[in-house]
Amino acid sequence: MTEERITETTTPSGNTHTTHTVVTDNEPRKSGGASWGLLILLAVVAIVGVIIFTQMSGAEVAKDNAVADAAGEVGEAAGQVGDAAQNAGDAVSDAVQQ
């Protein structure tokens, strides 16, 4: 505990002198549970952050795989369109020759 004491002294001639004295008890500080609570809270926040980050990374991988699968399907569809065009061209060619 800290206490401030102010003493005013007046001389017979009317001069006033003020003295400030600070008294501090030298008892050791008691550590409360607040510091432990903050450390535990910080650890929990860090763990939650890691979990969220890993889940978001998994979502990114799933999205990338979905895009790659869709691109593969588009490629297959383009191949089928090319085959159909080739067949149509062959059919026209055969019809013209007869």
N, C-alpha and C. Protein backbone atom coordinates (compact mmCIF):
# COMPACT_ATOMS: atom_id res chain seq x y z
N MET A 1 0.85 -1.17 0.00
CA MET A 1 0.00 0.00 0.00
C MET A 1 0.89 1.23 0.00
N THR A 2 0.51 2.24 -0.75
CA THR A 2 1.27 3.47 -0.84
C THR A 2 0.43 4.60 -0.27
N GLU A 3 1.09 5.40 0.52
CA GLU A 3 0.39 6.54 1.14
C GLU A 3 1.24 7.79 0.93
N GLU A 4 0.58 8.88 0.56
CA GLU A 4 1.27 10.15 0.35
C GLU A 4 0.88 11.09 1.49
N ARG A 5 1.91 11.65 2.10
CA ARG A 5 1.68 12.58 3.21
C ARG A 5 2.20 13.95 2.82
N ILE A 6 1.37 14.95 3.00
CA ILE A 6 1.76 16.33 2.69
C ILE A 6 1.75 17.12 4.00
N THR A 7 2.90 17.74 4.28
CA THR A 7 3.03 18.52 5.52
C THR A 7 3.31 19.97 5.16
N GLU A 8 2.48 20.86 5.69
CA GLU A 8 2.71 22.29 5.46
C GLU A 8 3.18 22.92 6.77
N THR A 9 4.25 23.68 6.66
CA THR A 9 4.80 24.35 7.83
C THR A 9 4.84 25.84 7.54
N THR A 10 4.33 26.63 8.49
CA THR A 10 4.35 28.08 8.34
C THR A 10 5.30 28.66 9.38
N THR A 11 6.23 29.47 8.91
CA THR A 11 7.19 30.11 9.81
C THR A 11 6.53 31.33 10.44
N PRO A 12 7.12 31.83 11.53
CA PRO A 12 6.54 33.02 12.18
C PRO A 12 6.51 34.22 11.24
N SER A 13 7.39 34.27 10.24
CA SER A 13 7.39 35.42 9.33
C SER A 13 6.32 35.27 8.25
N GLY A 14 5.61 34.12 8.20
CA GLY A 14 4.52 33.94 7.25
C GLY A 14 4.87 33.11 6.03
N ASN A 15 6.11 32.62 5.97
CA ASN A 15 6.50 31.76 4.85
C ASN A 15 5.94 30.35 5.06
N THR A 16 5.44 29.76 3.98
CA THR A 16 4.88 28.41 4.05
C THR A 16 5.78 27.46 3.29
N HIS A 17 6.10 26.34 3.92
CA HIS A 17 6.92 25.29 3.30
C HIS A 17 6.07 24.00 3.26
N THR A 18 6.08 23.36 2.10
CA THR A 18 5.30 22.12 1.93
C THR A 18 6.28 20.97 1.71
N THR A 19 6.04 19.88 2.42
CA THR A 19 6.87 18.69 2.29
C THR A 19 5.98 17.52 1.87
N HIS A 20 6.41 16.82 0.81
CA HIS A 20 5.69 15.63 0.34
C HIS A 20 6.47 14.40 0.77
N THR A 21 5.79 13.47 1.40
CA THR A 21 6.42 12.23 1.82
C THR A 21 5.57 11.07 1.29
N VAL A 22 6.21 10.12 0.63
CA VAL A 22 5.51 8.94 0.12
C VAL A 22 5.96 7.74 0.94
N VAL A 23 5.00 7.05 1.52
CA VAL A 23 5.29 5.89 2.34
C VAL A 23 4.79 4.66 1.59
N THR A 24 5.69 3.70 1.38
CA THR A 24 5.35 2.48 0.65
C THR A 24 5.63 1.29 1.54
N ASP A 25 4.66 0.39 1.63
CA ASP A 25 4.88 -0.85 2.38
C ASP A 25 5.69 -1.78 1.49
N ASN A 26 6.65 -2.46 2.04
CA ASN A 26 7.51 -3.35 1.27
C ASN A 26 7.07 -4.81 1.40
N GLU A 27 5.79 -5.03 1.35
CA GLU A 27 5.30 -6.40 1.39
C GLU A 27 5.45 -7.01 0.00
N PRO A 28 5.74 -8.28 -0.06
CA PRO A 28 5.84 -8.90 -1.39
C PRO A 28 4.49 -8.90 -2.09
N ARG A 29 4.52 -8.73 -3.42
CA ARG A 29 3.28 -8.71 -4.18
C ARG A 29 2.71 -10.11 -4.25
N LYS A 30 1.43 -10.18 -4.07
CA LYS A 30 0.75 -11.46 -4.18
C LYS A 30 0.29 -11.61 -5.62
N SER A 31 0.63 -12.74 -6.21
CA SER A 31 0.24 -13.01 -7.58
C SER A 31 -1.17 -13.58 -7.59
N GLY A 32 -2.04 -12.91 -8.29
CA GLY A 32 -3.41 -13.38 -8.38
C GLY A 32 -3.56 -14.39 -9.49
N GLY A 33 -4.76 -14.86 -9.68
CA GLY A 33 -5.02 -15.84 -10.72
C GLY A 33 -5.20 -15.22 -12.09
N ALA A 34 -5.16 -13.89 -12.16
CA ALA A 34 -5.39 -13.22 -13.44
C ALA A 34 -4.32 -13.56 -14.46
N SER A 35 -3.06 -13.63 -14.03
CA SER A 35 -2.00 -13.94 -14.98
C SER A 35 -2.14 -15.36 -15.51
N TRP A 36 -2.49 -16.30 -14.65
CA TRP A 36 -2.70 -17.67 -15.10
C TRP A 36 -3.90 -17.75 -16.02
N GLY A 37 -4.93 -17.01 -15.68
CA GLY A 37 -6.12 -16.99 -16.53
C GLY A 37 -5.82 -16.46 -17.92
N LEU A 38 -5.01 -15.41 -17.99
CA LEU A 38 -4.64 -14.85 -19.30
C LEU A 38 -3.80 -15.84 -20.10
N LEU A 39 -2.88 -16.53 -19.44
CA LEU A 39 -2.07 -17.53 -20.14
C LEU A 39 -2.92 -18.67 -20.69
N ILE A 40 -3.87 -19.13 -19.91
CA ILE A 40 -4.75 -20.20 -20.36
C ILE A 40 -5.62 -19.71 -21.52
N LEU A 41 -6.14 -18.49 -21.42
CA LEU A 41 -6.94 -17.92 -22.49
C LEU A 41 -6.12 -17.80 -23.78
N LEU A 42 -4.89 -17.36 -23.66
CA LEU A 42 -4.01 -17.24 -24.82
C LEU A 42 -3.76 -18.61 -25.46
N ALA A 43 -3.55 -19.62 -24.64
CA ALA A 43 -3.32 -20.97 -25.17
C ALA A 43 -4.56 -21.48 -25.90
N VAL A 44 -5.74 -21.24 -25.33
CA VAL A 44 -6.98 -21.68 -25.97
C VAL A 44 -7.17 -20.97 -27.30
N VAL A 45 -6.92 -19.67 -27.35
CA VAL A 45 -7.05 -18.92 -28.60
C VAL A 45 -6.08 -19.45 -29.65
N ALA A 46 -4.86 -19.78 -29.24
CA ALA A 46 -3.88 -20.32 -30.18
C ALA A 46 -4.33 -21.67 -30.72
N ILE A 47 -4.86 -22.53 -29.87
CA ILE A 47 -5.32 -23.84 -30.31
C ILE A 47 -6.49 -23.70 -31.28
N VAL A 48 -7.44 -22.83 -30.96
CA VAL A 48 -8.58 -22.60 -31.85
C VAL A 48 -8.11 -22.05 -33.19
N GLY A 49 -7.14 -21.15 -33.18
CA GLY A 49 -6.60 -20.61 -34.42
C GLY A 49 -5.97 -21.68 -35.28
N VAL A 50 -5.22 -22.59 -34.68
CA VAL A 50 -4.59 -23.68 -35.43
C VAL A 50 -5.66 -24.60 -36.03
N ILE A 51 -6.69 -24.91 -35.27
CA ILE A 51 -7.76 -25.78 -35.76
C ILE A 51 -8.47 -25.13 -36.94
N ILE A 52 -8.81 -23.86 -36.81
CA ILE A 52 -9.49 -23.16 -37.90
C ILE A 52 -8.60 -23.10 -39.13
N PHE A 53 -7.32 -22.83 -38.95
CA PHE A 53 -6.39 -22.75 -40.07
C PHE A 53 -6.29 -24.08 -40.81
N THR A 54 -6.21 -25.19 -40.06
CA THR A 54 -6.10 -26.49 -40.70
C THR A 54 -7.39 -26.85 -41.43
N GLN A 55 -8.54 -26.49 -40.89
CA GLN A 55 -9.80 -26.76 -41.58
C GLN A 55 -9.91 -25.93 -42.85
N MET A 56 -9.45 -24.70 -42.81
CA MET A 56 -9.50 -23.86 -44.00
C MET A 56 -8.55 -24.41 -45.05
N SER A 57 -7.41 -24.93 -44.65
CA SER A 57 -6.48 -25.52 -45.60
C SER A 57 -7.10 -26.74 -46.26
N GLY A 58 -7.81 -27.54 -45.50
CA GLY A 58 -8.51 -28.70 -46.06
C GLY A 58 -9.56 -28.28 -47.06
N ALA A 59 -10.25 -27.19 -46.79
CA ALA A 59 -11.27 -26.68 -47.71
C ALA A 59 -10.62 -26.21 -49.00
N GLU A 60 -9.45 -25.61 -48.90
CA GLU A 60 -8.74 -25.15 -50.10
C GLU A 60 -8.33 -26.34 -50.96
N VAL A 61 -7.87 -27.41 -50.34
CA VAL A 61 -7.47 -28.61 -51.08
C VAL A 61 -8.69 -29.22 -51.76
N ALA A 62 -9.81 -29.28 -51.06
CA ALA A 62 -11.03 -29.84 -51.64
C ALA A 62 -11.49 -28.99 -52.83
N LYS A 63 -11.38 -27.67 -52.68
CA LYS A 63 -11.77 -26.78 -53.78
C LYS A 63 -10.85 -26.99 -54.98
N ASP A 64 -9.56 -27.10 -54.75
CA ASP A 64 -8.61 -27.32 -55.84
C ASP A 64 -8.89 -28.65 -56.54
N ASN A 65 -9.20 -29.70 -55.77
CA ASN A 65 -9.52 -31.00 -56.37
C ASN A 65 -10.79 -30.92 -57.20
N ALA A 66 -11.79 -30.19 -56.72
CA ALA A 66 -13.05 -30.05 -57.46
C ALA A 66 -12.81 -29.33 -58.78
N VAL A 67 -11.98 -28.29 -58.75
CA VAL A 67 -11.67 -27.55 -59.98
C VAL A 67 -10.93 -28.45 -60.96
N ALA A 68 -10.00 -29.25 -60.47
CA ALA A 68 -9.25 -30.16 -61.34
C ALA A 68 -10.18 -31.22 -61.95
N ASP A 69 -11.10 -31.75 -61.15
CA ASP A 69 -12.06 -32.73 -61.67
C ASP A 69 -12.96 -32.11 -62.74
N ALA A 70 -13.42 -30.88 -62.49
CA ALA A 70 -14.27 -30.20 -63.47
C ALA A 70 -13.51 -29.95 -64.76
N ALA A 71 -12.25 -29.58 -64.66
CA ALA A 71 -11.44 -29.36 -65.86
C ALA A 71 -11.27 -30.66 -66.64
N GLY A 72 -11.09 -31.77 -65.95
CA GLY A 72 -10.98 -33.07 -66.61
C GLY A 72 -12.26 -33.43 -67.34
N GLU A 73 -13.41 -33.17 -66.70
CA GLU A 73 -14.70 -33.46 -67.34
C GLU A 73 -14.92 -32.59 -68.56
N VAL A 74 -14.50 -31.33 -68.51
CA VAL A 74 -14.62 -30.44 -69.67
C VAL A 74 -13.75 -30.97 -70.81
N GLY A 75 -12.56 -31.45 -70.48
CA GLY A 75 -11.69 -32.03 -71.51
C GLY A 75 -12.31 -33.26 -72.15
N GLU A 76 -12.92 -34.12 -71.34
CA GLU A 76 -13.59 -35.30 -71.89
C GLU A 76 -14.76 -34.91 -72.78
N ALA A 77 -15.53 -33.93 -72.37
CA ALA A 77 -16.66 -33.46 -73.18
C ALA A 77 -16.17 -32.89 -74.50
N ALA A 78 -15.08 -32.16 -74.49
CA ALA A 78 -14.52 -31.61 -75.72
C ALA A 78 -14.08 -32.73 -76.65
N GLY A 79 -13.51 -33.78 -76.08
CA GLY A 79 -13.12 -34.94 -76.89
C GLY A 79 -14.33 -35.60 -77.53
N GLN A 80 -15.41 -35.71 -76.78
CA GLN A 80 -16.63 -36.31 -77.31
C GLN A 80 -17.22 -35.45 -78.43
N VAL A 81 -17.18 -34.14 -78.28
CA VAL A 81 -17.66 -33.23 -79.33
C VAL A 81 -16.80 -33.40 -80.57
N GLY A 82 -15.50 -33.51 -80.40
CA GLY A 82 -14.60 -33.72 -81.54
C GLY A 82 -14.90 -35.03 -82.25
N ASP A 83 -15.15 -36.10 -81.48
CA ASP A 83 -15.48 -37.39 -82.08
C ASP A 83 -16.80 -37.31 -82.84
N ALA A 84 -17.77 -36.63 -82.27
CA ALA A 84 -19.07 -36.48 -82.95
C ALA A 84 -18.91 -35.69 -84.25
N ALA A 85 -18.10 -34.66 -84.24
CA ALA A 85 -17.87 -33.87 -85.45
C ALA A 85 -17.17 -34.73 -86.50
N GLN A 86 -16.22 -35.56 -86.09
CA GLN A 86 -15.53 -36.45 -87.03
C GLN A 86 -16.52 -37.44 -87.65
N ASN A 87 -17.38 -38.01 -86.83
CA ASN A 87 -18.39 -38.95 -87.33
C ASN A 87 -19.34 -38.26 -88.30
N ALA A 88 -19.74 -37.04 -87.98
CA ALA A 88 -20.64 -36.30 -88.88
C ALA A 88 -19.94 -36.01 -90.20
N GLY A 89 -18.67 -35.65 -90.14
CA GLY A 89 -17.90 -35.39 -91.37
C GLY A 89 -17.77 -36.64 -92.21
N ASP A 90 -17.54 -37.78 -91.55
CA ASP A 90 -17.43 -39.04 -92.28
C ASP A 90 -18.76 -39.40 -92.93
N ALA A 91 -19.86 -39.17 -92.21
CA ALA A 91 -21.18 -39.48 -92.75
C ALA A 91 -21.47 -38.60 -93.97
N VAL A 92 -21.12 -37.32 -93.92
CA VAL A 92 -21.34 -36.42 -95.05
C VAL A 92 -20.48 -36.86 -96.22
N SER A 93 -19.24 -37.24 -95.95
CA SER A 93 -18.33 -37.67 -96.99
C SER A 93 -18.86 -38.93 -97.67
N ASP A 94 -19.37 -39.87 -96.89
CA ASP A 94 -19.92 -41.10 -97.44
C ASP A 94 -21.17 -40.82 -98.28
N ALA A 95 -22.00 -39.88 -97.85
CA ALA A 95 -23.22 -39.54 -98.59
C ALA A 95 -22.90 -38.87 -99.91
N VAL A 96 -21.85 -38.08 -99.94
CA VAL A 96 -21.49 -37.36 -101.16
C VAL A 96 -20.89 -38.34 -102.18
N GLN A 97 -20.16 -39.34 -101.73
CA GLN A 97 -19.51 -40.27 -102.64
C GLN A 97 -20.51 -41.21 -103.29
N GLN A 98 -21.65 -41.44 -102.75
CA GLN A 98 -22.63 -42.36 -103.34
C GLN A 98 -23.50 -41.70 -104.30
